[in-house]
């Protein structure tokens, strides 16, 4: 029954937002024998494992910012918490608060934190568009990596980022952008249960200009991300054989997921990084 239930979960991956992340957590843990970050891979070298390719993206984003050592960090859309724990271990912030709207993700995050005996990282269920648990002017660095395309009210999200940042505080948003003026046909229908609310680059730039935030960095990293996905064949043979049917299901899941992401990034999506700061004159 467990095998059949897991296969059905994989088949239902694209049905709803919550089902997608439940399936991703399950599938990536099977591939790597541990929970991994939930964002896309970033290519550095051919021999990188999937875990390393994901870490590459995190490291690249952190490299854009001023040093975060001994800083108060907020990760909005922290998923299963693995990225927050990695940043804490590698970069030495004072404290990290990770928030996510998905309760199942936060349960995993808390479990991983406790397993690693980490006492300066906390995880909370909260809404990126209305941060109930984060005080104004309390955060040195806000990170939002591959989550904002789920937010229906991104202007509210940007306003909240400005509110919680300390004057002079930094932010970084890495998001999947649309190259289409509007969603068409099947993509429009599929986007509703999956909570897809893609913006294009122009819309982001317009909203930054309306806000009190300064956006002084933007970069298209689509090619590096697409190339990161292109080495997925190197990872599939590492899946452990527990049962024939389950093994086949997981292999199909990985291949379809990787190929779809590559196709979308080639034809209709871009992967962009935006970074900047809250001016000292803005007190929110």
C-alpha atoms as a PDB file:
ATOM      1  CA  UNK A   1       0.000   0.000   0.000  1.00  0.00           C
ATOM      2  CA  UNK A   2       2.862   2.394   0.782  1.00  0.00           C
ATOM      3  CA  UNK A   3       4.381   1.847  -2.655  1.00  0.00           C
ATOM      4  CA  UNK A   4       1.041   2.420  -4.395  1.00  0.00           C
ATOM      5  CA  UNK A   5       0.344   5.523  -2.296  1.00  0.00           C
ATOM      6  CA  UNK A   6       3.751   7.006  -3.192  1.00  0.00           C
ATOM      7  CA  UNK A   7       3.212   6.319  -6.881  1.00  0.00           C
ATOM      8  CA  UNK A   8      -0.215   8.010  -6.762  1.00  0.00           C
ATOM      9  CA  UNK A   9       1.346  11.041  -5.040  1.00  0.00           C
ATOM     10  CA  UNK A  10       3.902  11.344  -7.814  1.00  0.00           C
ATOM     11  CA  UNK A  11       1.195  11.074 -10.470  1.00  0.00           C
ATOM     12  CA  UNK A  12      -0.710  13.865  -8.723  1.00  0.00           C
ATOM     13  CA  UNK A  13       2.264  16.206  -8.476  1.00  0.00           C
ATOM     14  CA  UNK A  14       0.934  18.812 -10.855  1.00  0.00           C
ATOM     15  CA  UNK A  15      -2.613  18.854  -9.492  1.00  0.00           C
ATOM     16  CA  UNK A  16      -2.285  21.306  -6.597  1.00  0.00           C
ATOM     17  CA  UNK A  17       0.313  23.529  -4.957  1.00  0.00           C
ATOM     18  CA  UNK A  18       0.417  21.504  -1.716  1.00  0.00           C
ATOM     19  CA  UNK A  19       0.564  18.172  -3.561  1.00  0.00           C
ATOM     20  CA  UNK A  20       3.469  19.426  -5.651  1.00  0.00           C
ATOM     21  CA  UNK A  21       5.642  20.219  -2.636  1.00  0.00           C
ATOM     22  CA  UNK A  22       4.674  17.031  -0.823  1.00  0.00           C
ATOM     23  CA  UNK A  23       5.738  15.031  -3.881  1.00  0.00           C
ATOM     24  CA  UNK A  24       8.928  17.040  -4.334  1.00  0.00           C
ATOM     25  CA  UNK A  25       9.975  16.544  -0.732  1.00  0.00           C
ATOM     26  CA  UNK A  26       9.314  12.816  -1.010  1.00  0.00           C
ATOM     27  CA  UNK A  27      11.052  12.418  -4.367  1.00  0.00           C
ATOM     28  CA  UNK A  28      14.130  14.471  -3.570  1.00  0.00           C
ATOM     29  CA  UNK A  29      14.602  12.693  -0.260  1.00  0.00           C
ATOM     30  CA  UNK A  30      14.517   9.383  -2.115  1.00  0.00           C
ATOM     31  CA  UNK A  31      17.125  10.552  -4.623  1.00  0.00           C
ATOM     32  CA  UNK A  32      19.504  12.020  -2.052  1.00  0.00           C
ATOM     33  CA  UNK A  33      18.620  10.036   1.089  1.00  0.00           C
ATOM     34  CA  UNK A  34      17.917  13.347   2.868  1.00  0.00           C
ATOM     35  CA  UNK A  35      15.716  16.392   2.451  1.00  0.00           C
ATOM     36  CA  UNK A  36      17.159  18.882  -0.009  1.00  0.00           C
ATOM     37  CA  UNK A  37      16.444  22.467  -1.004  1.00  0.00           C
ATOM     38  CA  UNK A  38      13.372  22.863  -3.185  1.00  0.00           C
ATOM     39  CA  UNK A  39      14.704  25.332  -5.732  1.00  0.00           C
ATOM     40  CA  UNK A  40      16.266  24.861  -9.176  1.00  0.00           C
ATOM     41  CA  UNK A  41      19.907  23.811  -9.720  1.00  0.00           C
ATOM     42  CA  UNK A  42      22.615  26.244 -10.884  1.00  0.00           C
ATOM     43  CA  UNK A  43      25.403  24.948 -13.116  1.00  0.00           C
ATOM     44  CA  UNK A  44      29.020  25.292 -12.020  1.00  0.00           C
ATOM     45  CA  UNK A  45      30.567  22.032 -13.173  1.00  0.00           C
ATOM     46  CA  UNK A  46      29.460  18.829 -14.861  1.00  0.00           C
ATOM     47  CA  UNK A  47      30.283  16.581 -11.918  1.00  0.00           C
ATOM     48  CA  UNK A  48      28.034  18.429  -9.433  1.00  0.00           C
ATOM     49  CA  UNK A  49      25.419  16.366  -7.617  1.00  0.00           C
ATOM     50  CA  UNK A  50      21.869  17.680  -7.453  1.00  0.00           C
ATOM     51  CA  UNK A  51      22.440  18.831  -3.871  1.00  0.00           C
ATOM     52  CA  UNK A  52      25.584  20.703  -4.895  1.00  0.00           C
ATOM     53  CA  UNK A  53      23.864  22.262  -7.912  1.00  0.00           C
ATOM     54  CA  UNK A  54      21.156  23.598  -5.587  1.00  0.00           C
ATOM     55  CA  UNK A  55      23.776  24.879  -3.149  1.00  0.00           C
ATOM     56  CA  UNK A  56      25.444  26.606  -6.088  1.00  0.00           C
ATOM     57  CA  UNK A  57      22.321  28.731  -6.573  1.00  0.00           C
ATOM     58  CA  UNK A  58      22.172  29.639  -2.882  1.00  0.00           C
ATOM     59  CA  UNK A  59      25.885  30.475  -2.808  1.00  0.00           C
ATOM     60  CA  UNK A  60      25.575  32.601  -5.930  1.00  0.00           C
ATOM     61  CA  UNK A  61      22.685  34.580  -4.448  1.00  0.00           C
ATOM     62  CA  UNK A  62      24.558  35.146  -1.174  1.00  0.00           C
ATOM     63  CA  UNK A  63      27.646  36.286  -3.111  1.00  0.00           C
ATOM     64  CA  UNK A  64      25.640  39.180  -4.573  1.00  0.00           C
ATOM     65  CA  UNK A  65      24.957  40.628  -1.117  1.00  0.00           C
ATOM     66  CA  UNK A  66      27.222  42.359   1.351  1.00  0.00           C
ATOM     67  CA  UNK A  67      28.558  39.858   3.955  1.00  0.00           C
ATOM     68  CA  UNK A  68      25.748  38.442   6.075  1.00  0.00           C
ATOM     69  CA  UNK A  69      27.863  37.248   9.009  1.00  0.00           C
ATOM     70  CA  UNK A  70      26.311  38.251  12.356  1.00  0.00           C
ATOM     71  CA  UNK A  71      23.234  39.621  10.573  1.00  0.00           C
ATOM     72  CA  UNK A  72      19.542  39.060  11.258  1.00  0.00           C
ATOM     73  CA  UNK A  73      18.239  37.081   8.284  1.00  0.00           C
ATOM     74  CA  UNK A  74      14.660  36.516   7.136  1.00  0.00           C
ATOM     75  CA  UNK A  75      13.996  33.872   4.512  1.00  0.00           C
ATOM     76  CA  UNK A  76      10.513  34.332   3.079  1.00  0.00           C
ATOM     77  CA  UNK A  77       9.305  31.158   1.395  1.00  0.00           C
ATOM     78  CA  UNK A  78      11.788  28.926   3.219  1.00  0.00           C
ATOM     79  CA  UNK A  79      10.138  25.690   2.088  1.00  0.00           C
ATOM     80  CA  UNK A  80      11.410  22.712   4.071  1.00  0.00           C
ATOM     81  CA  UNK A  81      14.061  24.816   5.811  1.00  0.00           C
ATOM     82  CA  UNK A  82      17.093  23.090   4.303  1.00  0.00           C
ATOM     83  CA  UNK A  83      18.340  26.280   2.653  1.00  0.00           C
ATOM     84  CA  UNK A  84      18.064  28.310   5.881  1.00  0.00           C
ATOM     85  CA  UNK A  85      20.034  25.651   7.750  1.00  0.00           C
ATOM     86  CA  UNK A  86      22.677  25.584   5.009  1.00  0.00           C
ATOM     87  CA  UNK A  87      23.053  29.377   5.054  1.00  0.00           C
ATOM     88  CA  UNK A  88      23.325  29.317   8.832  1.00  0.00           C
ATOM     89  CA  UNK A  89      26.068  26.677   8.744  1.00  0.00           C
ATOM     90  CA  UNK A  90      28.062  28.252   5.923  1.00  0.00           C
ATOM     91  CA  UNK A  91      27.739  32.008   6.467  1.00  0.00           C
ATOM     92  CA  UNK A  92      27.414  32.559  10.216  1.00  0.00           C
ATOM     93  CA  UNK A  93      24.447  34.920  10.551  1.00  0.00           C
ATOM     94  CA  UNK A  94      23.328  36.013  13.995  1.00  0.00           C
ATOM     95  CA  UNK A  95      19.915  34.422  13.507  1.00  0.00           C
ATOM     96  CA  UNK A  96      17.672  33.180  10.707  1.00  0.00           C
ATOM     97  CA  UNK A  97      13.891  33.207  10.668  1.00  0.00           C
ATOM     98  CA  UNK A  98      12.297  31.135   7.923  1.00  0.00           C
ATOM     99  CA  UNK A  99       8.637  31.575   7.071  1.00  0.00           C
ATOM    100  CA  UNK A 100       6.426  29.586   4.722  1.00  0.00           C
ATOM    101  CA  UNK A 101       2.685  29.335   4.169  1.00  0.00           C
ATOM    102  CA  UNK A 102       2.840  25.545   3.760  1.00  0.00           C
ATOM    103  CA  UNK A 103       2.429  23.934   7.201  1.00  0.00           C
ATOM    104  CA  UNK A 104       3.873  20.602   6.039  1.00  0.00           C
ATOM    105  CA  UNK A 105       7.054  22.346   4.897  1.00  0.00           C
ATOM    106  CA  UNK A 106       7.411  24.078   8.269  1.00  0.00           C
ATOM    107  CA  UNK A 107       6.968  20.769  10.102  1.00  0.00           C
ATOM    108  CA  UNK A 108       9.837  19.297   8.095  1.00  0.00           C
ATOM    109  CA  UNK A 109      11.918  22.435   8.690  1.00  0.00           C
ATOM    110  CA  UNK A 110      11.480  22.250  12.444  1.00  0.00           C
ATOM    111  CA  UNK A 111      12.329  18.542  12.437  1.00  0.00           C
ATOM    112  CA  UNK A 112      15.514  19.179  10.405  1.00  0.00           C
ATOM    113  CA  UNK A 113      16.494  22.041  12.712  1.00  0.00           C
ATOM    114  CA  UNK A 114      16.046  19.890  15.800  1.00  0.00           C
ATOM    115  CA  UNK A 115      17.940  16.996  14.210  1.00  0.00           C
ATOM    116  CA  UNK A 116      20.850  19.345  13.511  1.00  0.00           C
ATOM    117  CA  UNK A 117      20.598  20.836  17.028  1.00  0.00           C
ATOM    118  CA  UNK A 118      20.510  24.381  15.666  1.00  0.00           C
ATOM    119  CA  UNK A 119      19.284  26.949  18.176  1.00  0.00           C
ATOM    120  CA  UNK A 120      19.539  30.233  16.230  1.00  0.00           C
ATOM    121  CA  UNK A 121      17.138  29.276  13.431  1.00  0.00           C
ATOM    122  CA  UNK A 122      13.367  29.447  13.844  1.00  0.00           C
ATOM    123  CA  UNK A 123      10.611  28.456  11.436  1.00  0.00           C
ATOM    124  CA  UNK A 124       7.115  29.921  11.387  1.00  0.00           C
ATOM    125  CA  UNK A 125       3.954  29.570   9.337  1.00  0.00           C
ATOM    126  CA  UNK A 126       3.286  33.020   7.922  1.00  0.00           C
ATOM    127  CA  UNK A 127       2.084  34.789   4.783  1.00  0.00           C
ATOM    128  CA  UNK A 128       4.657  36.639   2.656  1.00  0.00           C
ATOM    129  CA  UNK A 129       1.986  39.212   1.775  1.00  0.00           C
ATOM    130  CA  UNK A 130       1.169  39.991   5.440  1.00  0.00           C
ATOM    131  CA  UNK A 131       3.987  39.060   7.811  1.00  0.00           C
ATOM    132  CA  UNK A 132       2.161  38.776  11.110  1.00  0.00           C
ATOM    133  CA  UNK A 133       5.169  37.526  13.102  1.00  0.00           C
ATOM    134  CA  UNK A 134       7.922  39.820  11.817  1.00  0.00           C
ATOM    135  CA  UNK A 135       8.306  43.264  13.488  1.00  0.00           C
ATOM    136  CA  UNK A 136       8.969  46.392  11.458  1.00  0.00           C
ATOM    137  CA  UNK A 137      12.604  47.453  11.002  1.00  0.00           C
ATOM    138  CA  UNK A 138      13.909  44.181  12.455  1.00  0.00           C
ATOM    139  CA  UNK A 139      15.693  42.433   9.571  1.00  0.00           C
ATOM    140  CA  UNK A 140      19.174  43.033   8.149  1.00  0.00           C
ATOM    141  CA  UNK A 141      18.794  40.763   5.098  1.00  0.00           C
ATOM    142  CA  UNK A 142      15.666  39.399   3.419  1.00  0.00           C
ATOM    143  CA  UNK A 143      16.027  36.404   1.112  1.00  0.00           C
ATOM    144  CA  UNK A 144      13.284  35.132  -1.190  1.00  0.00           C
ATOM    145  CA  UNK A 145      14.514  32.420  -3.514  1.00  0.00           C
ATOM    146  CA  UNK A 146      12.059  30.861  -5.946  1.00  0.00           C
ATOM    147  CA  UNK A 147       8.847  31.480  -4.045  1.00  0.00           C
ATOM    148  CA  UNK A 148       7.390  34.819  -5.178  1.00  0.00           C
ATOM    149  CA  UNK A 149       5.778  33.364  -8.315  1.00  0.00           C
ATOM    150  CA  UNK A 150       3.238  31.796  -5.941  1.00  0.00           C
ATOM    151  CA  UNK A 151       2.124  35.154  -4.492  1.00  0.00           C
ATOM    152  CA  UNK A 152      -1.085  36.611  -5.945  1.00  0.00           C
ATOM    153  CA  UNK A 153      -0.392  40.030  -4.355  1.00  0.00           C
ATOM    154  CA  UNK A 154       3.286  40.736  -4.989  1.00  0.00           C
ATOM    155  CA  UNK A 155       2.912  44.507  -4.409  1.00  0.00           C
ATOM    156  CA  UNK A 156       1.843  43.628  -0.837  1.00  0.00           C
ATOM    157  CA  UNK A 157       4.870  41.325  -0.560  1.00  0.00           C
ATOM    158  CA  UNK A 158       7.244  44.086  -1.684  1.00  0.00           C
ATOM    159  CA  UNK A 159       5.627  46.471   0.783  1.00  0.00           C
ATOM    160  CA  UNK A 160       6.128  43.946   3.582  1.00  0.00           C
ATOM    161  CA  UNK A 161       9.788  43.515   2.626  1.00  0.00           C
ATOM    162  CA  UNK A 162      10.245  47.271   2.976  1.00  0.00           C
ATOM    163  CA  UNK A 163       8.431  47.318   6.308  1.00  0.00           C
ATOM    164  CA  UNK A 164      10.458  44.562   8.003  1.00  0.00           C
ATOM    165  CA  UNK A 165      13.893  45.602   6.714  1.00  0.00           C
ATOM    166  CA  UNK A 166      16.006  47.842   8.895  1.00  0.00           C
ATOM    167  CA  UNK A 167      17.041  51.124   7.255  1.00  0.00           C
ATOM    168  CA  UNK A 168      19.997  50.146   5.070  1.00  0.00           C
ATOM    169  CA  UNK A 169      18.910  46.490   5.109  1.00  0.00           C
ATOM    170  CA  UNK A 170      19.405  44.331   2.012  1.00  0.00           C
ATOM    171  CA  UNK A 171      16.994  42.162   0.052  1.00  0.00           C
ATOM    172  CA  UNK A 172      17.371  39.556  -2.687  1.00  0.00           C
ATOM    173  CA  UNK A 173      14.545  38.078  -4.731  1.00  0.00           C
ATOM    174  CA  UNK A 174      15.216  35.207  -7.154  1.00  0.00           C
ATOM    175  CA  UNK A 175      12.089  34.490  -9.153  1.00  0.00           C
ATOM    176  CA  UNK A 176      10.820  32.665 -12.203  1.00  0.00           C
ATOM    177  CA  UNK A 177       9.457  35.277 -14.606  1.00  0.00           C
ATOM    178  CA  UNK A 178       7.098  34.990 -17.534  1.00  0.00           C
ATOM    179  CA  UNK A 179       8.066  36.085 -21.026  1.00  0.00           C
ATOM    180  CA  UNK A 180       4.404  36.045 -22.089  1.00  0.00           C
ATOM    181  CA  UNK A 181       2.008  38.964 -21.784  1.00  0.00           C
ATOM    182  CA  UNK A 182      -0.658  36.656 -20.407  1.00  0.00           C
ATOM    183  CA  UNK A 183      -1.194  32.992 -19.698  1.00  0.00           C
ATOM    184  CA  UNK A 184      -2.887  31.059 -22.465  1.00  0.00           C
ATOM    185  CA  UNK A 185      -5.066  27.959 -22.590  1.00  0.00           C
ATOM    186  CA  UNK A 186      -3.861  25.023 -20.515  1.00  0.00           C
ATOM    187  CA  UNK A 187      -1.236  27.095 -18.681  1.00  0.00           C
ATOM    188  CA  UNK A 188      -3.947  29.443 -17.437  1.00  0.00           C
ATOM    189  CA  UNK A 189      -6.109  26.554 -16.208  1.00  0.00           C
ATOM    190  CA  UNK A 190      -3.169  24.728 -14.615  1.00  0.00           C
ATOM    191  CA  UNK A 191      -1.891  27.889 -12.967  1.00  0.00           C
ATOM    192  CA  UNK A 192      -4.885  28.323 -10.669  1.00  0.00           C
ATOM    193  CA  UNK A 193      -4.588  25.192  -8.460  1.00  0.00           C
ATOM    194  CA  UNK A 194      -0.788  25.496  -8.579  1.00  0.00           C
ATOM    195  CA  UNK A 195      -0.907  29.118  -7.326  1.00  0.00           C
ATOM    196  CA  UNK A 196       1.128  30.385 -10.269  1.00  0.00           C
ATOM    197  CA  UNK A 197       1.230  34.185 -10.442  1.00  0.00           C
ATOM    198  CA  UNK A 198       4.161  34.979 -12.728  1.00  0.00           C
ATOM    199  CA  UNK A 199       5.311  38.526 -13.343  1.00  0.00           C
ATOM    200  CA  UNK A 200       7.579  39.675 -16.148  1.00  0.00           C
ATOM    201  CA  UNK A 201      10.711  41.768 -15.691  1.00  0.00           C
ATOM    202  CA  UNK A 202       9.002  45.025 -16.629  1.00  0.00           C
ATOM    203  CA  UNK A 203       6.325  44.565 -13.959  1.00  0.00           C
ATOM    204  CA  UNK A 204       8.947  43.957 -11.280  1.00  0.00           C
ATOM    205  CA  UNK A 205      10.884  47.063 -12.293  1.00  0.00           C
ATOM    206  CA  UNK A 206       7.702  49.158 -12.268  1.00  0.00           C
ATOM    207  CA  UNK A 207       6.746  47.953  -8.789  1.00  0.00           C
ATOM    208  CA  UNK A 208      10.225  48.593  -7.388  1.00  0.00           C
ATOM    209  CA  UNK A 209       9.966  52.166  -8.667  1.00  0.00           C
ATOM    210  CA  UNK A 210       6.618  52.570  -6.887  1.00  0.00           C
ATOM    211  CA  UNK A 211       8.032  51.185  -3.640  1.00  0.00           C
ATOM    212  CA  UNK A 212      10.449  52.712  -1.144  1.00  0.00           C
ATOM    213  CA  UNK A 213      13.024  50.034  -1.927  1.00  0.00           C
ATOM    214  CA  UNK A 214      16.063  50.678  -4.114  1.00  0.00           C
ATOM    215  CA  UNK A 215      16.662  47.991  -6.735  1.00  0.00           C
ATOM    216  CA  UNK A 216      20.301  48.303  -7.820  1.00  0.00           C
ATOM    217  CA  UNK A 217      20.967  44.800  -9.133  1.00  0.00           C
ATOM    218  CA  UNK A 218      19.206  42.573 -11.634  1.00  0.00           C
ATOM    219  CA  UNK A 219      20.548  39.585 -13.514  1.00  0.00           C
ATOM    220  CA  UNK A 220      19.151  36.987 -15.871  1.00  0.00           C
ATOM    221  CA  UNK A 221      20.604  33.597 -14.834  1.00  0.00           C
ATOM    222  CA  UNK A 222      18.316  31.515 -17.052  1.00  0.00           C
ATOM    223  CA  UNK A 223      21.166  29.893 -18.972  1.00  0.00           C
ATOM    224  CA  UNK A 224      23.004  28.760 -15.834  1.00  0.00           C
ATOM    225  CA  UNK A 225      19.799  27.331 -14.371  1.00  0.00           C
ATOM    226  CA  UNK A 226      18.803  25.625 -17.603  1.00  0.00           C
ATOM    227  CA  UNK A 227      22.294  24.115 -17.880  1.00  0.00           C
ATOM    228  CA  UNK A 228      21.959  23.023 -14.253  1.00  0.00           C
ATOM    229  CA  UNK A 229      18.861  21.032 -15.189  1.00  0.00           C
ATOM    230  CA  UNK A 230      20.577  19.625 -18.273  1.00  0.00           C
ATOM    231  CA  UNK A 231      22.840  17.329 -16.219  1.00  0.00           C
ATOM    232  CA  UNK A 232      19.876  15.563 -14.584  1.00  0.00           C
ATOM    233  CA  UNK A 233      20.874  12.254 -16.220  1.00  0.00           C
ATOM    234  CA  UNK A 234      23.905  12.181 -13.916  1.00  0.00           C
ATOM    235  CA  UNK A 235      21.629  12.023 -10.870  1.00  0.00           C
ATOM    236  CA  UNK A 236      19.041   9.409 -11.888  1.00  0.00           C
ATOM    237  CA  UNK A 237      21.277   6.284 -11.634  1.00  0.00           C
ATOM    238  CA  UNK A 238      21.798   7.090  -7.937  1.00  0.00           C
ATOM    239  CA  UNK A 239      18.163   6.294  -7.100  1.00  0.00           C
ATOM    240  CA  UNK A 240      18.125   3.232  -4.860  1.00  0.00           C
ATOM    241  CA  UNK A 241      16.076   0.277  -6.056  1.00  0.00           C
ATOM    242  CA  UNK A 242      13.465  -0.515  -3.384  1.00  0.00           C
ATOM    243  CA  UNK A 243      10.848  -1.871  -5.743  1.00  0.00           C
ATOM    244  CA  UNK A 244      10.645  -2.068  -9.507  1.00  0.00           C
ATOM    245  CA  UNK A 245       7.386  -0.120  -9.884  1.00  0.00           C
ATOM    246  CA  UNK A 246       8.398   2.603  -7.451  1.00  0.00           C
ATOM    247  CA  UNK A 247      11.806   2.917  -9.070  1.00  0.00           C
ATOM    248  CA  UNK A 248      10.222   3.333 -12.510  1.00  0.00           C
ATOM    249  CA  UNK A 249       7.765   5.901 -11.141  1.00  0.00           C
ATOM    250  CA  UNK A 250      10.541   7.979  -9.566  1.00  0.00           C
ATOM    251  CA  UNK A 251      12.662   7.867 -12.713  1.00  0.00           C
ATOM    252  CA  UNK A 252       9.735   9.021 -14.836  1.00  0.00           C
ATOM    253  CA  UNK A 253       9.010  11.765 -12.299  1.00  0.00           C
ATOM    254  CA  UNK A 254      12.571  13.133 -12.470  1.00  0.00           C
ATOM    255  CA  UNK A 255      12.810  12.996 -16.239  1.00  0.00           C
ATOM    256  CA  UNK A 256       9.451  14.727 -16.787  1.00  0.00           C
ATOM    257  CA  UNK A 257      10.166  17.365 -14.142  1.00  0.00           C
ATOM    258  CA  UNK A 258      13.614  18.173 -15.520  1.00  0.00           C
ATOM    259  CA  UNK A 259      12.520  18.221 -19.162  1.00  0.00           C
ATOM    260  CA  UNK A 260       9.482  20.410 -18.450  1.00  0.00           C
ATOM    261  CA  UNK A 261      11.594  22.942 -16.568  1.00  0.00           C
ATOM    262  CA  UNK A 262      14.134  23.062 -19.389  1.00  0.00           C
ATOM    263  CA  UNK A 263      11.351  23.501 -21.971  1.00  0.00           C
ATOM    264  CA  UNK A 264       9.683  26.315 -20.024  1.00  0.00           C
ATOM    265  CA  UNK A 265      12.976  28.134 -19.500  1.00  0.00           C
ATOM    266  CA  UNK A 266      13.702  27.941 -23.218  1.00  0.00           C
ATOM    267  CA  UNK A 267      10.340  29.152 -24.455  1.00  0.00           C
ATOM    268  CA  UNK A 268       8.243  31.029 -21.900  1.00  0.00           C
ATOM    269  CA  UNK A 269      10.143  31.721 -18.664  1.00  0.00           C
ATOM    270  CA  UNK A 270      13.206  33.527 -17.336  1.00  0.00           C
ATOM    271  CA  UNK A 271      15.043  33.105 -14.062  1.00  0.00           C
ATOM    272  CA  UNK A 272      15.924  36.517 -12.618  1.00  0.00           C
ATOM    273  CA  UNK A 273      17.650  37.846  -9.523  1.00  0.00           C
ATOM    274  CA  UNK A 274      16.766  41.261  -8.111  1.00  0.00           C
ATOM    275  CA  UNK A 275      18.656  42.779  -5.204  1.00  0.00           C
ATOM    276  CA  UNK A 276      18.827  46.103  -3.432  1.00  0.00           C
ATOM    277  CA  UNK A 277      18.265  47.832  -0.124  1.00  0.00           C
ATOM    278  CA  UNK A 278      15.958  49.935   1.995  1.00  0.00           C
ATOM    279  CA  UNK A 279      17.268  53.508   2.105  1.00  0.00           C
ATOM    280  CA  UNK A 280      18.302  54.815   5.508  1.00  0.00           C
ATOM    281  CA  UNK A 281      15.752  57.606   5.121  1.00  0.00           C
ATOM    282  CA  UNK A 282      12.862  55.101   4.958  1.00  0.00           C
ATOM    283  CA  UNK A 283      11.587  54.038   8.369  1.00  0.00           C
ATOM    284  CA  UNK A 284       8.406  52.182   7.352  1.00  0.00           C
END
